[in-house]
Each structure stands twice: as C-alpha cells, then as structure tokens.
Amino acid sequence: MAYAEPTMTPVIHADENTRVAFLVKVYQHVALAVLAFIAFEAVLFATGLAEAIYEFLAGSGIAWLLILGGFMIVSSIASRSAHNLGDVRAQYGGLFALALAESLIFAPFLYLAFNQGGAATVGSAAGVTAVGFGALSVVAFTTRKDLSFLRPLILWGSIVAIGLIVAAVAFQFDLGIVFTIAMIGLAGASILYQTQQIVRRYPEWAYVGAAVSLFASLMMLFWYVLRLFLRR
C-alpha cells in the first residue's frame, strides 16, 4: 500500500482548528521537555552528581569551557534530530537529549542557587520565567507585525554573548548585571521570533521540532532570570 508523503505546507495556511491543534501539541511538548528536565535534575541531585559537577567546575575556567562546548555540540545535534521531519523517533530523541543536556549544564548552577538563595529564590525565578514566557507568547500570536527583523539581531547578539561568556570564563571576570539584563532581553526576543515562526514555517505534524526551539529559548530565559535573582 502506498502512503502519501506528509505535506510541508506551513500550518498558517491550514484552517483554524488545525492551527489550534498544532499549537496545543507544541506547548504540550514544551511542557514534556520541562518535565523531563525536572526529572533529570532530580536524579542528578538525588545521586549527588549535581554537587560533584559543581565541585569539579569550581574555579576551573578550562573545565567550564569544555562543558559549554560540549553543551553547544549536543544542543546542535539534538536540534537537528528534533527537526528530522521524516523520523518521529529522532524528533523525540532530540527533545529528550536537549532536556538532558540542559539538566547537566544547569546542575551546578542550580546547586549554587539552592545553597545561596534557597528553594524560594529558584521557585520565584521559575515563576517569573513562566509568566514572561506566557506573556511573550501572547504578544507573538496577537501582533500583526512581522517579527522577522529580530532574526539578525538574535543571531549577532548570540555570537557576541558567546564571545563574552568564553572570555569571562577564560579570564575569570564577572560580566555584571547589565549583561544579565541584556541576555534576558535576547532570550525574550528569541521567544517572540520563534513563537511567530512556528506557525509561519512549520507544517502541522512538525510540533516536536517547534517545541524544541521554544524550549531552548525558555531555558535560556530561566538561566538569566535566576542569575538576576541571585544578584539581588
């Protein structure tokens, strides 16, 4: 029996019910990625690996650079797998691989956050992140303005940020609160752009790949919101 090839037509050209169903699946999978992240973190803390990673990285710029480099490689592979529109298993593999990579890079930071600010600070940062993510999503869906102009700003902003982070780790200097606020703005711009693009560029069955894109930006926002809370 012959099967029809899935259409690559963006969901924006579909009827309203199809668009709504697509978006529901996207945000369900963002939630799934967040739950996977929490589960991985729970394992890392329960087994003492979070503390071990923190102690291994403490005061070691080279180790941090290696971890950051590995994270970027894994994130790139996971994103490509999640966007392998011809293989559903690869898409889910990419989603869970990214959640695992995020949990590993977050583990030492969260260990520090729980010890310095406590669970209340981490919870408050998570709440602000969730509210911000929701508000940005509403803006992206309701605005009639084409947000494509944000793409080059996000690209160059990310390149500059990576350069500054590498320099800060290598030469052990503090990037300061201005950098943290700028990165929160960059994460917000990324969420705005990607939220609008998932409807304009993704077909209705590519919701896993769309969720991975949003999840990555959501975690970036959480990282810098938590960093801001810890600097109070």
Protein backbone atom coordinates (compact mmCIF):
# COMPACT_ATOMS: atom_id res chain seq x y z
CA MET A 1 0.00 0.00 0.00
CA ALA A 2 1.32 3.43 -0.90
CA TYR A 3 1.28 6.20 1.68
CA ALA A 4 1.03 9.86 0.87
CA GLU A 5 4.03 11.99 1.74
CA PRO A 6 3.33 14.43 4.57
CA THR A 7 2.70 17.94 3.36
CA MET A 8 5.32 20.63 4.04
CA THR A 9 2.74 23.41 3.88
CA PRO A 10 3.10 25.72 6.91
CA VAL A 11 0.28 25.43 9.40
CA ILE A 12 -0.57 29.11 8.94
CA HIS A 13 -2.26 28.10 5.66
CA ALA A 14 -4.41 25.49 7.38
CA ASP A 15 -7.86 26.01 8.90
CA GLU A 16 -8.24 27.41 12.41
CA ASN A 17 -8.95 24.05 14.06
CA THR A 18 -5.76 22.60 12.60
CA ARG A 19 -3.71 25.59 13.78
CA VAL A 20 -5.14 25.35 17.28
CA ALA A 21 -4.48 21.60 17.44
CA PHE A 22 -0.90 22.17 16.26
CA LEU A 23 -0.24 24.83 18.90
CA VAL A 24 -1.72 22.66 21.65
CA LYS A 25 0.67 19.86 20.68
CA VAL A 26 3.62 22.27 20.54
CA TYR A 27 3.05 23.53 24.07
CA GLN A 28 2.29 20.05 25.35
CA HIS A 29 5.73 19.02 24.11
CA VAL A 30 7.36 22.11 25.62
CA ALA A 31 5.79 21.01 28.92
CA LEU A 32 7.06 17.46 28.31
CA ALA A 33 10.59 18.79 27.80
CA VAL A 34 10.33 20.84 31.03
CA LEU A 35 9.12 17.78 32.96
CA ALA A 36 11.98 15.73 31.53
CA PHE A 37 14.41 18.46 32.58
CA ILE A 38 13.00 18.43 36.13
CA ALA A 39 13.21 14.63 36.27
CA PHE A 40 16.84 14.63 35.11
CA GLU A 41 17.69 17.33 37.66
CA ALA A 42 16.01 15.32 40.42
CA VAL A 43 18.22 12.35 39.55
CA LEU A 44 21.36 14.49 39.47
CA PHE A 45 20.59 15.98 42.90
CA ALA A 46 19.44 12.71 44.46
CA THR A 47 22.61 10.89 43.38
CA GLY A 48 24.93 13.74 44.40
CA LEU A 49 26.06 14.29 40.82
CA ALA A 50 24.93 17.93 40.85
CA GLU A 51 27.24 18.68 43.78
CA ALA A 52 30.06 16.68 42.18
CA ILE A 53 29.75 18.63 38.93
CA TYR A 54 29.71 21.90 40.86
CA GLU A 55 32.87 20.98 42.79
CA PHE A 56 34.57 19.80 39.61
CA LEU A 57 33.86 23.08 37.83
CA ALA A 58 34.51 25.41 40.78
CA GLY A 59 37.39 27.72 39.90
CA SER A 60 38.22 25.83 36.70
CA GLY A 61 37.81 28.00 33.63
CA ILE A 62 39.03 25.29 31.25
CA ALA A 63 36.53 22.78 32.61
CA TRP A 64 33.69 25.28 32.17
CA LEU A 65 34.75 25.93 28.58
CA LEU A 66 34.77 22.19 27.88
CA ILE A 67 31.31 21.82 29.41
CA LEU A 68 29.97 24.79 27.42
CA GLY A 69 31.49 23.45 24.23
CA GLY A 70 30.00 20.02 24.81
CA PHE A 71 26.64 21.54 25.58
CA MET A 72 26.65 23.52 22.33
CA ILE A 73 27.55 20.39 20.33
CA VAL A 74 24.86 18.26 21.99
CA SER A 75 22.29 21.04 21.60
CA SER A 76 23.07 21.35 17.90
CA ILE A 77 22.76 17.58 17.35
CA ALA A 78 19.55 17.43 19.41
CA SER A 79 18.03 20.31 17.44
CA ARG A 80 18.85 18.65 14.12
CA SER A 81 17.35 15.37 15.33
CA ALA A 82 14.20 17.12 16.53
CA HIS A 83 13.86 18.74 13.09
CA ASN A 84 14.28 15.44 11.26
CA LEU A 85 10.73 15.64 9.97
CA GLY A 86 10.90 12.21 8.39
CA ASP A 87 11.67 10.32 11.62
CA VAL A 88 9.41 10.72 14.66
CA ARG A 89 11.74 8.70 16.89
CA ALA A 90 14.63 11.02 16.04
CA GLN A 91 12.44 14.01 16.90
CA TYR A 92 11.64 12.68 20.37
CA GLY A 93 15.24 11.60 20.83
CA GLY A 94 16.31 15.18 20.10
CA LEU A 95 13.78 16.58 22.56
CA PHE A 96 14.90 14.34 25.43
CA ALA A 97 18.60 14.76 24.54
CA LEU A 98 18.23 18.52 24.77
CA ALA A 99 16.41 18.20 28.12
CA LEU A 100 19.29 16.05 29.40
CA ALA A 101 21.91 18.48 28.11
CA GLU A 102 20.09 21.39 29.76
CA SER A 103 19.89 19.50 33.05
CA LEU A 104 23.64 18.85 33.03
CA ILE A 105 24.58 22.46 32.29
CA PHE A 106 22.05 23.71 34.86
CA ALA A 107 23.05 21.23 37.60
CA PRO A 108 26.00 23.18 39.08
CA PHE A 109 24.16 26.49 38.71
CA LEU A 110 21.05 25.17 40.46
CA TYR A 111 23.22 23.61 43.19
CA LEU A 112 24.71 27.05 43.81
CA ALA A 113 21.27 28.71 43.60
CA PHE A 114 19.70 26.36 46.15
CA ASN A 115 22.59 26.92 48.55
CA GLN A 116 22.79 30.69 48.12
CA GLY A 117 19.19 31.73 47.57
CA GLY A 118 17.21 28.70 48.66
CA ALA A 119 14.24 26.97 47.09
CA ALA A 120 12.13 30.15 47.34
CA THR A 121 14.53 32.07 45.07
CA VAL A 122 14.62 29.27 42.49
CA GLY A 123 10.84 28.97 42.61
CA SER A 124 10.37 32.73 42.21
CA ALA A 125 12.72 32.79 39.22
CA ALA A 126 10.84 29.87 37.67
CA GLY A 127 7.52 31.66 38.21
CA VAL A 128 8.74 34.90 36.65
CA THR A 129 10.13 32.91 33.71
CA ALA A 130 6.81 31.13 33.18
CA VAL A 131 4.84 34.39 33.30
CA GLY A 132 7.28 36.09 30.95
CA PHE A 133 7.19 33.16 28.52
CA GLY A 134 3.39 33.20 28.52
CA ALA A 135 3.20 36.96 28.00
CA LEU A 136 5.70 36.90 25.15
CA SER A 137 3.78 34.04 23.51
CA VAL A 138 0.55 36.05 23.65
CA VAL A 139 2.29 39.08 22.11
CA ALA A 140 3.78 36.95 19.32
CA PHE A 141 0.41 35.43 18.45
CA THR A 142 -1.61 38.63 18.62
CA THR A 143 0.68 41.16 16.97
CA ARG A 144 0.21 41.82 13.27
CA LYS A 145 3.81 42.95 12.92
CA ASP A 146 6.24 40.66 11.12
CA LEU A 147 8.96 39.87 13.66
CA SER A 148 11.45 38.55 11.11
CA PHE A 149 13.60 41.63 11.68
CA LEU A 150 14.55 40.11 15.05
CA ARG A 151 16.42 37.21 13.45
CA PRO A 152 19.70 39.03 12.59
CA LEU A 153 19.62 40.80 15.95
CA ILE A 154 19.26 37.47 17.75
CA LEU A 155 22.00 35.88 15.62
CA TRP A 156 24.58 38.61 16.18
CA GLY A 157 23.57 39.07 19.79
CA SER A 158 24.13 35.36 20.39
CA ILE A 159 27.56 35.45 18.74
CA VAL A 160 28.63 38.43 20.86
CA ALA A 161 27.24 36.80 24.01
CA ILE A 162 29.11 33.55 23.38
CA GLY A 163 32.32 35.51 22.84
CA LEU A 164 31.84 37.41 26.10
CA ILE A 165 30.99 34.25 28.04
CA VAL A 166 34.08 32.44 26.74
CA ALA A 167 36.26 35.45 27.61
CA ALA A 168 34.71 35.72 31.08
CA VAL A 169 35.28 32.02 31.80
CA ALA A 170 38.81 32.02 30.37
CA PHE A 171 39.96 35.18 32.16
CA GLN A 172 37.69 34.85 35.20
CA PHE A 173 35.90 38.20 35.25
CA ASP A 174 32.28 38.97 36.10
CA LEU A 175 30.07 40.03 33.21
CA GLY A 176 27.86 42.01 35.57
CA ILE A 177 24.18 42.77 35.89
CA VAL A 178 23.97 44.73 32.62
CA PHE A 179 24.98 41.62 30.68
CA THR A 180 22.38 39.56 32.58
CA ILE A 181 19.60 42.02 31.74
CA ALA A 182 20.74 42.15 28.10
CA MET A 183 20.61 38.34 27.90
CA ILE A 184 17.09 38.33 29.35
CA GLY A 185 16.16 40.72 26.55
CA LEU A 186 17.86 38.49 23.98
CA ALA A 187 16.01 35.43 25.29
CA GLY A 188 12.73 37.34 25.13
CA ALA A 189 13.39 38.43 21.55
CA SER A 190 14.17 34.82 20.65
CA ILE A 191 10.89 33.62 22.16
CA LEU A 192 8.94 36.29 20.28
CA TYR A 193 10.58 35.44 16.96
CA GLN A 194 10.38 31.66 17.32
CA THR A 195 6.79 31.70 18.56
CA GLN A 196 5.67 33.58 15.47
CA GLN A 197 7.81 31.43 13.18
CA ILE A 198 6.48 28.07 14.34
CA VAL A 199 3.13 28.94 12.78
CA ARG A 200 4.59 30.52 9.65
CA ARG A 201 7.23 27.88 8.86
CA TYR A 202 6.28 24.53 10.42
CA PRO A 203 3.82 22.03 8.93
CA GLU A 204 1.09 20.73 11.23
CA TRP A 205 2.89 17.46 12.05
CA ALA A 206 6.25 19.07 12.99
CA TYR A 207 5.22 20.06 16.51
CA VAL A 208 8.16 18.30 18.23
CA GLY A 209 10.75 20.36 16.35
CA ALA A 210 8.78 23.52 17.08
CA ALA A 211 8.67 22.62 20.77
CA VAL A 212 12.44 22.09 20.89
CA SER A 213 13.06 25.58 19.51
CA LEU A 214 10.84 27.17 22.15
CA PHE A 215 12.21 25.00 24.97
CA ALA A 216 15.79 26.10 24.28
CA SER A 217 14.83 29.78 24.47
CA LEU A 218 12.69 29.18 27.57
CA MET A 219 15.66 27.62 29.39
CA MET A 220 17.91 30.49 28.35
CA LEU A 221 15.37 32.92 29.83
CA PHE A 222 15.21 30.91 33.07
CA TRP A 223 19.01 30.84 33.36
CA TYR A 224 19.36 34.62 33.25
CA VAL A 225 16.26 35.38 35.32
CA LEU A 226 17.65 33.08 38.03
CA ARG A 227 21.06 34.74 37.71
CA LEU A 228 19.38 38.12 38.17
CA PHE A 229 17.55 36.91 41.30
CA LEU A 230 20.82 35.62 42.78
CA ARG A 231 22.48 39.00 42.29
CA ARG A 232 19.95 40.81 44.46
